[in-house]
Amino acid sequence: MDAYGTRPGFIVQQNDGVQAYTQATMRGVDTWVEICNDRWPKEWKGKYNRPVVKLRISYGHPDSGGLWEQHCESQLKAVGFIMPDPEGWSVFFHPTLKLLLVVYVDDFQDVRTQRVYEEGLGIDRIKNRHGYAHRGQSISRL
C-alpha cells in the first residue's frame, strides 16, 4: 500500500467511516429495543405508550463486525471495486480509477493519482454517493 502510494503522481489518503456499523442492516432474528421516553421526538409524546424500534447494527452486538464487513464489501463492489486476491481480506482495487483501497474495520486508506484526487474522484466521493459519513485527510502528497 505505502509503496504504491510513493510512486510519482500518487497520494495516500486516510478516511474514517463515522458510525460505520450503524449503516449495516441487522440480519437473523429481528431485535427490537424500547426507547426511553427522554429520547422521544416531541411528536411522539401523547401519541405512543412504549415505542420500540428495530435495532440496527451497533458496536456492542456480537455480529456487528461481520455484518459491517459484508455491507462495506457489497457497497464497494457495486461501484466497481474488485478484490485482486479473494483470499486477501479487505484489499480492493478500482481498475478505472487505479485506486487501491485497504479497509480495516471502519478505517479506509486509499492510494490514488493526483489527477483523481484533484477531480474529486475516489473513495470519498463514492462513499458520499452511497450514504457513508466520513472524515478524510491526505497523508502524503507527491
Foldseek 3Di string as FASTA:
>chain_A
DVVLQVPPQKFKKKKFFVQLLQVFADDDDWDKDWDDPVPDDPVCVPVDDTDIDTDGQDPPDPCSQVRSQVVVVVLCVVVAWDDPDPVDPQWIARVVQRKTWGQDRRMIMIMGGNVCVVVVHDDVVSCVVVPTDMDMDIPDGD
